[in-house]
């Protein structure tokens, strides 16, 4: 497929997980892709043809502004922004420290705002463009002890709606994808922390979380990337301001179960 031939895409959070899978898919479908983020501790994933890796801390507004300017200078413009940078911290509102709260919102929410702020003028200059923000099912439902994380994800869906309304006249669409559990390094780190820390304990807990979804498993990053690519492309040309669950039926499932 050459759906994105001639398009330039920037993917924040693009060095691992959902962002990495998205960068790879957009590149495979013809886009020139810059994948930016903080390299994972185990090192950046294997280089992907057509994907240029860049290191950036999305909480640093100056660094994000420079990144966007560099992408436009080197590649002639910008057509697609995928904002996938995110972190997870656990704690109730009463237990979460101010530092933890600020850290999560700085990366998940303000980092996305930085990327959008500096990308939008270049999308406007193209006369069209697409922004896809990676939110979460926790924008709509909440598990226990994720006060900062769920707040950030709910805010991201509102941010996307705001962009969609403000920028529709400029031909720019903005949407969110809202995954449930996805087998990413972030999910594995959480599973390791809540299990005995072994590889087997981590795998067992991830599988247990997967069984809580109607489809009986967690998602693969490439499955979420497919939804992002759809919203980023011309096949979704009349879709803006939506939040698309990619959740294996999780949001559709009532918690109350009838006896058999």
C-alpha atoms as a PDB file:
ATOM      1  CA  UNK A   1       0.000   0.000   0.000  1.00  0.00           C
ATOM      2  CA  UNK A   2       1.214   3.524  -0.789  1.00  0.00           C
ATOM      3  CA  UNK A   3      -1.519   5.373   1.056  1.00  0.00           C
ATOM      4  CA  UNK A   4       0.882   7.915   2.507  1.00  0.00           C
ATOM      5  CA  UNK A   5       3.173   8.552  -0.449  1.00  0.00           C
ATOM      6  CA  UNK A   6       4.487  12.109  -0.278  1.00  0.00           C
ATOM      7  CA  UNK A   7       3.305  12.608   3.300  1.00  0.00           C
ATOM      8  CA  UNK A   8       5.545  13.622   6.183  1.00  0.00           C
ATOM      9  CA  UNK A   9       4.641  12.315   9.628  1.00  0.00           C
ATOM     10  CA  UNK A  10       5.964  13.071  13.097  1.00  0.00           C
ATOM     11  CA  UNK A  11       5.333  10.476  15.808  1.00  0.00           C
ATOM     12  CA  UNK A  12       6.092  11.483  19.380  1.00  0.00           C
ATOM     13  CA  UNK A  13       6.604   8.542  21.689  1.00  0.00           C
ATOM     14  CA  UNK A  14       7.808   6.857  18.524  1.00  0.00           C
ATOM     15  CA  UNK A  15      10.767   4.925  19.900  1.00  0.00           C
ATOM     16  CA  UNK A  16       8.794   2.134  21.572  1.00  0.00           C
ATOM     17  CA  UNK A  17       5.383   0.569  21.994  1.00  0.00           C
ATOM     18  CA  UNK A  18       2.383   1.912  20.100  1.00  0.00           C
ATOM     19  CA  UNK A  19       4.336   4.856  18.738  1.00  0.00           C
ATOM     20  CA  UNK A  20       7.032   2.597  17.316  1.00  0.00           C
ATOM     21  CA  UNK A  21       4.494   0.333  15.649  1.00  0.00           C
ATOM     22  CA  UNK A  22       2.753   3.371  14.175  1.00  0.00           C
ATOM     23  CA  UNK A  23       5.975   4.851  12.823  1.00  0.00           C
ATOM     24  CA  UNK A  24       6.784   1.519  11.186  1.00  0.00           C
ATOM     25  CA  UNK A  25       3.323   1.182   9.633  1.00  0.00           C
ATOM     26  CA  UNK A  26       3.193   4.732   8.269  1.00  0.00           C
ATOM     27  CA  UNK A  27       6.635   4.254   6.749  1.00  0.00           C
ATOM     28  CA  UNK A  28       5.632   0.940   5.190  1.00  0.00           C
ATOM     29  CA  UNK A  29       2.688   2.717   3.562  1.00  0.00           C
ATOM     30  CA  UNK A  30       4.803   5.403   1.983  1.00  0.00           C
ATOM     31  CA  UNK A  31       5.216   8.209   4.527  1.00  0.00           C
ATOM     32  CA  UNK A  32       8.476   9.857   5.498  1.00  0.00           C
ATOM     33  CA  UNK A  33       8.443   9.417   9.252  1.00  0.00           C
ATOM     34  CA  UNK A  34      10.320  11.027  12.123  1.00  0.00           C
ATOM     35  CA  UNK A  35       9.901   9.027  15.331  1.00  0.00           C
ATOM     36  CA  UNK A  36      10.805  11.076  18.376  1.00  0.00           C
ATOM     37  CA  UNK A  37      10.976  10.403  22.076  1.00  0.00           C
ATOM     38  CA  UNK A  38      13.089   9.315  24.994  1.00  0.00           C
ATOM     39  CA  UNK A  39      14.971   6.111  24.128  1.00  0.00           C
ATOM     40  CA  UNK A  40      13.818   3.149  26.222  1.00  0.00           C
ATOM     41  CA  UNK A  41      16.253   1.888  28.837  1.00  0.00           C
ATOM     42  CA  UNK A  42      17.023  -1.200  26.799  1.00  0.00           C
ATOM     43  CA  UNK A  43      17.891   0.965  23.785  1.00  0.00           C
ATOM     44  CA  UNK A  44      15.993   2.163  20.747  1.00  0.00           C
ATOM     45  CA  UNK A  45      14.290  -0.512  18.682  1.00  0.00           C
ATOM     46  CA  UNK A  46      15.964  -1.821  15.544  1.00  0.00           C
ATOM     47  CA  UNK A  47      16.116   0.945  12.906  1.00  0.00           C
ATOM     48  CA  UNK A  48      13.157   0.932  10.557  1.00  0.00           C
ATOM     49  CA  UNK A  49      13.624   1.820   6.859  1.00  0.00           C
ATOM     50  CA  UNK A  50      12.103   5.204   6.138  1.00  0.00           C
ATOM     51  CA  UNK A  51      11.934   6.125   9.824  1.00  0.00           C
ATOM     52  CA  UNK A  52      14.277   8.744  11.204  1.00  0.00           C
ATOM     53  CA  UNK A  53      14.741   8.489  14.969  1.00  0.00           C
ATOM     54  CA  UNK A  54      15.140  11.622  17.072  1.00  0.00           C
ATOM     55  CA  UNK A  55      15.577  12.076  20.795  1.00  0.00           C
ATOM     56  CA  UNK A  56      13.252  14.595  22.451  1.00  0.00           C
ATOM     57  CA  UNK A  57      11.698  15.192  25.846  1.00  0.00           C
ATOM     58  CA  UNK A  58       8.141  16.286  25.062  1.00  0.00           C
ATOM     59  CA  UNK A  59       7.950  18.178  28.356  1.00  0.00           C
ATOM     60  CA  UNK A  60      10.605  20.574  27.024  1.00  0.00           C
ATOM     61  CA  UNK A  61       8.697  23.096  24.912  1.00  0.00           C
ATOM     62  CA  UNK A  62      11.835  24.529  23.322  1.00  0.00           C
ATOM     63  CA  UNK A  63      13.030  21.081  22.314  1.00  0.00           C
ATOM     64  CA  UNK A  64       9.675  20.190  20.766  1.00  0.00           C
ATOM     65  CA  UNK A  65       9.559  23.468  18.846  1.00  0.00           C
ATOM     66  CA  UNK A  66      13.056  22.767  17.516  1.00  0.00           C
ATOM     67  CA  UNK A  67      12.102  19.209  16.572  1.00  0.00           C
ATOM     68  CA  UNK A  68       9.067  20.315  14.548  1.00  0.00           C
ATOM     69  CA  UNK A  69      11.089  23.041  12.837  1.00  0.00           C
ATOM     70  CA  UNK A  70      13.805  20.511  11.948  1.00  0.00           C
ATOM     71  CA  UNK A  71      11.266  18.070  10.492  1.00  0.00           C
ATOM     72  CA  UNK A  72       9.775  20.778   8.305  1.00  0.00           C
ATOM     73  CA  UNK A  73      13.183  22.095   7.242  1.00  0.00           C
ATOM     74  CA  UNK A  74      14.574  18.678   6.353  1.00  0.00           C
ATOM     75  CA  UNK A  75      11.484  17.156   4.750  1.00  0.00           C
ATOM     76  CA  UNK A  76       9.667  20.142   3.283  1.00  0.00           C
ATOM     77  CA  UNK A  77       6.590  20.204   5.470  1.00  0.00           C
ATOM     78  CA  UNK A  78       4.403  18.238   7.848  1.00  0.00           C
ATOM     79  CA  UNK A  79       1.140  16.414   7.147  1.00  0.00           C
ATOM     80  CA  UNK A  80       0.538  14.081  10.079  1.00  0.00           C
ATOM     81  CA  UNK A  81       1.162  14.328  13.816  1.00  0.00           C
ATOM     82  CA  UNK A  82       0.752  11.260  15.992  1.00  0.00           C
ATOM     83  CA  UNK A  83       1.100  12.077  19.696  1.00  0.00           C
ATOM     84  CA  UNK A  84       1.831   8.799  21.445  1.00  0.00           C
ATOM     85  CA  UNK A  85       4.209   9.793  24.253  1.00  0.00           C
ATOM     86  CA  UNK A  86       2.950   8.690  27.636  1.00  0.00           C
ATOM     87  CA  UNK A  87       3.850   7.335  31.055  1.00  0.00           C
ATOM     88  CA  UNK A  88       1.939   5.492  33.762  1.00  0.00           C
ATOM     89  CA  UNK A  89       2.109   6.037  37.511  1.00  0.00           C
ATOM     90  CA  UNK A  90      -0.095   4.463  40.162  1.00  0.00           C
ATOM     91  CA  UNK A  91      -1.835   6.034  43.131  1.00  0.00           C
ATOM     92  CA  UNK A  92      -5.128   7.441  44.353  1.00  0.00           C
ATOM     93  CA  UNK A  93      -5.746  11.190  44.498  1.00  0.00           C
ATOM     94  CA  UNK A  94      -4.918  11.084  48.208  1.00  0.00           C
ATOM     95  CA  UNK A  95      -1.739   9.044  47.746  1.00  0.00           C
ATOM     96  CA  UNK A  96      -0.277  10.595  44.604  1.00  0.00           C
ATOM     97  CA  UNK A  97       2.459  13.103  45.340  1.00  0.00           C
ATOM     98  CA  UNK A  98       2.474  16.491  43.664  1.00  0.00           C
ATOM     99  CA  UNK A  99       5.677  15.490  41.876  1.00  0.00           C
ATOM    100  CA  UNK A 100       4.076  12.328  40.469  1.00  0.00           C
ATOM    101  CA  UNK A 101       0.948  14.235  39.426  1.00  0.00           C
ATOM    102  CA  UNK A 102       2.985  16.898  37.661  1.00  0.00           C
ATOM    103  CA  UNK A 103       5.206  14.306  35.996  1.00  0.00           C
ATOM    104  CA  UNK A 104       2.297  12.406  34.456  1.00  0.00           C
ATOM    105  CA  UNK A 105       0.471  15.494  33.244  1.00  0.00           C
ATOM    106  CA  UNK A 106       3.701  17.023  31.946  1.00  0.00           C
ATOM    107  CA  UNK A 107       4.371  14.049  29.670  1.00  0.00           C
ATOM    108  CA  UNK A 108       0.898  12.838  28.750  1.00  0.00           C
ATOM    109  CA  UNK A 109      -0.989  16.115  28.463  1.00  0.00           C
ATOM    110  CA  UNK A 110       1.396  19.067  28.268  1.00  0.00           C
ATOM    111  CA  UNK A 111       3.808  17.124  26.057  1.00  0.00           C
ATOM    112  CA  UNK A 112       0.985  16.503  23.611  1.00  0.00           C
ATOM    113  CA  UNK A 113       0.007  20.166  23.774  1.00  0.00           C
ATOM    114  CA  UNK A 114       3.579  21.156  22.891  1.00  0.00           C
ATOM    115  CA  UNK A 115       3.582  18.897  19.827  1.00  0.00           C
ATOM    116  CA  UNK A 116       0.195  20.152  18.660  1.00  0.00           C
ATOM    117  CA  UNK A 117       1.040  23.804  19.269  1.00  0.00           C
ATOM    118  CA  UNK A 118       4.092  23.717  17.008  1.00  0.00           C
ATOM    119  CA  UNK A 119       2.732  21.284  14.410  1.00  0.00           C
ATOM    120  CA  UNK A 120      -0.557  23.050  13.675  1.00  0.00           C
ATOM    121  CA  UNK A 121       0.899  26.090  11.849  1.00  0.00           C
ATOM    122  CA  UNK A 122       2.685  23.761   9.432  1.00  0.00           C
ATOM    123  CA  UNK A 123      -0.435  21.650   8.897  1.00  0.00           C
ATOM    124  CA  UNK A 124      -2.331  24.855   8.178  1.00  0.00           C
ATOM    125  CA  UNK A 125       0.232  25.828   5.576  1.00  0.00           C
ATOM    126  CA  UNK A 126      -0.477  22.537   3.781  1.00  0.00           C
ATOM    127  CA  UNK A 127      -4.190  23.346   3.722  1.00  0.00           C
ATOM    128  CA  UNK A 128      -4.905  20.004   5.376  1.00  0.00           C
ATOM    129  CA  UNK A 129      -3.527  17.624   7.942  1.00  0.00           C
ATOM    130  CA  UNK A 130      -4.304  15.001  10.536  1.00  0.00           C
ATOM    131  CA  UNK A 131      -3.572  14.803  14.257  1.00  0.00           C
ATOM    132  CA  UNK A 132      -4.058  11.516  16.078  1.00  0.00           C
ATOM    133  CA  UNK A 133      -3.600  11.468  19.847  1.00  0.00           C
ATOM    134  CA  UNK A 134      -3.155   8.216  21.766  1.00  0.00           C
ATOM    135  CA  UNK A 135      -5.537   8.397  24.707  1.00  0.00           C
ATOM    136  CA  UNK A 136      -6.941   5.374  26.555  1.00  0.00           C
ATOM    137  CA  UNK A 137     -10.155   3.635  27.533  1.00  0.00           C
ATOM    138  CA  UNK A 138      -9.369   5.221  30.878  1.00  0.00           C
ATOM    139  CA  UNK A 139     -10.608   8.481  29.403  1.00  0.00           C
ATOM    140  CA  UNK A 140     -14.067   6.907  29.936  1.00  0.00           C
ATOM    141  CA  UNK A 141     -13.711   4.236  32.632  1.00  0.00           C
ATOM    142  CA  UNK A 142     -11.191   4.045  35.432  1.00  0.00           C
ATOM    143  CA  UNK A 143      -9.444   1.285  37.280  1.00  0.00           C
ATOM    144  CA  UNK A 144      -8.373   1.801  40.866  1.00  0.00           C
ATOM    145  CA  UNK A 145      -5.361   3.894  41.822  1.00  0.00           C
ATOM    146  CA  UNK A 146      -4.596   5.679  38.551  1.00  0.00           C
ATOM    147  CA  UNK A 147      -5.715   9.213  39.442  1.00  0.00           C
ATOM    148  CA  UNK A 148      -3.061  11.096  37.480  1.00  0.00           C
ATOM    149  CA  UNK A 149      -3.061   8.779  34.474  1.00  0.00           C
ATOM    150  CA  UNK A 150      -6.822   8.668  33.972  1.00  0.00           C
ATOM    151  CA  UNK A 151      -7.048  12.438  34.396  1.00  0.00           C
ATOM    152  CA  UNK A 152      -4.443  12.965  31.704  1.00  0.00           C
ATOM    153  CA  UNK A 153      -6.211  10.631  29.293  1.00  0.00           C
ATOM    154  CA  UNK A 154      -9.604  12.228  29.813  1.00  0.00           C
ATOM    155  CA  UNK A 155      -8.043  15.605  29.153  1.00  0.00           C
ATOM    156  CA  UNK A 156      -6.480  14.350  25.915  1.00  0.00           C
ATOM    157  CA  UNK A 157      -9.857  13.414  24.472  1.00  0.00           C
ATOM    158  CA  UNK A 158     -11.134  16.898  25.312  1.00  0.00           C
ATOM    159  CA  UNK A 159      -8.041  18.462  23.754  1.00  0.00           C
ATOM    160  CA  UNK A 160      -8.611  16.547  20.519  1.00  0.00           C
ATOM    161  CA  UNK A 161     -12.221  17.724  20.346  1.00  0.00           C
ATOM    162  CA  UNK A 162     -11.070  21.295  20.834  1.00  0.00           C
ATOM    163  CA  UNK A 163      -8.500  21.008  18.057  1.00  0.00           C
ATOM    164  CA  UNK A 164     -11.081  19.395  15.780  1.00  0.00           C
ATOM    165  CA  UNK A 165     -13.480  22.306  16.202  1.00  0.00           C
ATOM    166  CA  UNK A 166     -10.878  25.064  16.032  1.00  0.00           C
ATOM    167  CA  UNK A 167      -9.011  23.693  13.029  1.00  0.00           C
ATOM    168  CA  UNK A 168     -11.798  22.224  10.867  1.00  0.00           C
ATOM    169  CA  UNK A 169     -11.880  25.431   8.821  1.00  0.00           C
ATOM    170  CA  UNK A 170      -8.184  24.891   8.068  1.00  0.00           C
ATOM    171  CA  UNK A 171      -8.688  21.354   6.789  1.00  0.00           C
ATOM    172  CA  UNK A 172      -7.089  19.778   9.875  1.00  0.00           C
ATOM    173  CA  UNK A 173      -8.693  16.768  11.521  1.00  0.00           C
ATOM    174  CA  UNK A 174      -7.998  15.679  15.117  1.00  0.00           C
ATOM    175  CA  UNK A 175      -9.008  12.389  16.709  1.00  0.00           C
ATOM    176  CA  UNK A 176      -7.982  10.074  19.519  1.00  0.00           C
ATOM    177  CA  UNK A 177      -7.537   6.345  19.700  1.00  0.00           C
ATOM    178  CA  UNK A 178      -8.383   4.828  23.063  1.00  0.00           C
ATOM    179  CA  UNK A 179      -6.695   1.473  23.602  1.00  0.00           C
ATOM    180  CA  UNK A 180      -7.336  -0.911  26.441  1.00  0.00           C
ATOM    181  CA  UNK A 181      -4.415  -3.104  27.543  1.00  0.00           C
ATOM    182  CA  UNK A 182      -1.684  -3.315  24.899  1.00  0.00           C
ATOM    183  CA  UNK A 183       1.406  -5.501  25.093  1.00  0.00           C
ATOM    184  CA  UNK A 184       3.961  -2.704  25.274  1.00  0.00           C
ATOM    185  CA  UNK A 185       7.062  -2.148  27.403  1.00  0.00           C
ATOM    186  CA  UNK A 186       4.954   0.118  29.639  1.00  0.00           C
ATOM    187  CA  UNK A 187       2.373  -2.613  30.259  1.00  0.00           C
ATOM    188  CA  UNK A 188       5.113  -5.178  30.872  1.00  0.00           C
ATOM    189  CA  UNK A 189       6.774  -2.833  33.378  1.00  0.00           C
ATOM    190  CA  UNK A 190       3.484  -2.498  35.249  1.00  0.00           C
ATOM    191  CA  UNK A 191       2.971  -6.257  35.220  1.00  0.00           C
ATOM    192  CA  UNK A 192       6.478  -6.802  36.524  1.00  0.00           C
ATOM    193  CA  UNK A 193       5.880  -4.328  39.351  1.00  0.00           C
ATOM    194  CA  UNK A 194       2.607  -5.972  40.383  1.00  0.00           C
ATOM    195  CA  UNK A 195       3.849  -9.578  40.110  1.00  0.00           C
ATOM    196  CA  UNK A 196       6.840 -11.342  41.616  1.00  0.00           C
ATOM    197  CA  UNK A 197       9.125  -9.550  39.153  1.00  0.00           C
ATOM    198  CA  UNK A 198      10.050 -12.669  37.188  1.00  0.00           C
ATOM    199  CA  UNK A 199       9.525 -13.122  33.461  1.00  0.00           C
ATOM    200  CA  UNK A 200       7.028 -15.896  34.162  1.00  0.00           C
ATOM    201  CA  UNK A 201       5.147 -13.809  36.726  1.00  0.00           C
ATOM    202  CA  UNK A 202       5.018 -10.884  34.323  1.00  0.00           C
ATOM    203  CA  UNK A 203       3.733 -13.039  31.471  1.00  0.00           C
ATOM    204  CA  UNK A 204       1.098 -14.658  33.680  1.00  0.00           C
ATOM    205  CA  UNK A 205      -0.236 -11.310  34.887  1.00  0.00           C
ATOM    206  CA  UNK A 206      -0.381  -9.877  31.355  1.00  0.00           C
ATOM    207  CA  UNK A 207      -2.361 -12.938  30.280  1.00  0.00           C
ATOM    208  CA  UNK A 208      -4.673 -12.476  33.275  1.00  0.00           C
ATOM    209  CA  UNK A 209      -5.308  -8.870  32.308  1.00  0.00           C
ATOM    210  CA  UNK A 210      -6.008 -10.041  28.773  1.00  0.00           C
ATOM    211  CA  UNK A 211      -8.729 -12.423  29.978  1.00  0.00           C
ATOM    212  CA  UNK A 212     -10.583  -9.418  31.414  1.00  0.00           C
ATOM    213  CA  UNK A 213     -11.227  -8.229  27.845  1.00  0.00           C
ATOM    214  CA  UNK A 214     -14.121  -9.886  25.981  1.00  0.00           C
ATOM    215  CA  UNK A 215     -11.711 -10.953  23.236  1.00  0.00           C
ATOM    216  CA  UNK A 216      -9.658 -12.752  25.871  1.00  0.00           C
ATOM    217  CA  UNK A 217      -6.270 -11.120  25.326  1.00  0.00           C
ATOM    218  CA  UNK A 218      -4.391  -7.843  25.313  1.00  0.00           C
ATOM    219  CA  UNK A 219      -3.838  -6.005  22.039  1.00  0.00           C
ATOM    220  CA  UNK A 220      -0.675  -5.960  19.977  1.00  0.00           C
ATOM    221  CA  UNK A 221       0.867  -2.548  19.253  1.00  0.00           C
ATOM    222  CA  UNK A 222       0.400  -3.074  15.509  1.00  0.00           C
ATOM    223  CA  UNK A 223      -3.353  -3.488  16.000  1.00  0.00           C
ATOM    224  CA  UNK A 224      -3.557  -0.035  17.563  1.00  0.00           C
ATOM    225  CA  UNK A 225      -1.261   1.322  14.856  1.00  0.00           C
ATOM    226  CA  UNK A 226      -3.773   0.204  12.223  1.00  0.00           C
ATOM    227  CA  UNK A 227      -6.471   2.340  13.840  1.00  0.00           C
ATOM    228  CA  UNK A 228      -4.107   5.305  14.062  1.00  0.00           C
ATOM    229  CA  UNK A 229      -3.145   4.954  10.406  1.00  0.00           C
ATOM    230  CA  UNK A 230      -6.794   4.830   9.380  1.00  0.00           C
ATOM    231  CA  UNK A 231      -7.584   8.063  11.227  1.00  0.00           C
ATOM    232  CA  UNK A 232      -4.424   9.699   9.887  1.00  0.00           C
ATOM    233  CA  UNK A 233      -5.235   8.920   6.258  1.00  0.00           C
ATOM    234  CA  UNK A 234      -7.642  10.081   3.610  1.00  0.00           C
ATOM    235  CA  UNK A 235      -9.984   7.134   4.171  1.00  0.00           C
ATOM    236  CA  UNK A 236     -11.054   9.007   7.327  1.00  0.00           C
ATOM    237  CA  UNK A 237     -11.419  12.335   5.505  1.00  0.00           C
ATOM    238  CA  UNK A 238     -14.793  13.177   7.105  1.00  0.00           C
ATOM    239  CA  UNK A 239     -13.927  11.948  10.612  1.00  0.00           C
ATOM    240  CA  UNK A 240     -12.836  14.480  13.188  1.00  0.00           C
ATOM    241  CA  UNK A 241     -13.334  14.963  16.909  1.00  0.00           C
ATOM    242  CA  UNK A 242     -13.944  11.273  17.628  1.00  0.00           C
ATOM    243  CA  UNK A 243     -12.468   8.934  20.204  1.00  0.00           C
ATOM    244  CA  UNK A 244     -12.066   5.457  18.742  1.00  0.00           C
ATOM    245  CA  UNK A 245     -11.849   2.593  21.253  1.00  0.00           C
ATOM    246  CA  UNK A 246      -9.397  -0.154  20.322  1.00  0.00           C
ATOM    247  CA  UNK A 247     -10.244  -2.283  23.303  1.00  0.00           C
ATOM    248  CA  UNK A 248     -11.275  -5.827  22.459  1.00  0.00           C
ATOM    249  CA  UNK A 249     -14.834  -5.023  23.569  1.00  0.00           C
ATOM    250  CA  UNK A 250     -13.869  -3.782  27.029  1.00  0.00           C
ATOM    251  CA  UNK A 251     -16.060  -0.667  27.026  1.00  0.00           C
ATOM    252  CA  UNK A 252     -19.027  -2.591  25.627  1.00  0.00           C
ATOM    253  CA  UNK A 253     -18.935  -5.145  28.428  1.00  0.00           C
ATOM    254  CA  UNK A 254     -21.257  -4.700  31.413  1.00  0.00           C
ATOM    255  CA  UNK A 255     -19.643  -5.540  34.741  1.00  0.00           C
ATOM    256  CA  UNK A 256     -22.737  -7.359  36.002  1.00  0.00           C
ATOM    257  CA  UNK A 257     -22.826 -10.961  34.788  1.00  0.00           C
ATOM    258  CA  UNK A 258     -25.967 -13.083  34.827  1.00  0.00           C
ATOM    259  CA  UNK A 259     -25.697 -16.493  36.461  1.00  0.00           C
ATOM    260  CA  UNK A 260     -25.491 -19.406  34.085  1.00  0.00           C
END
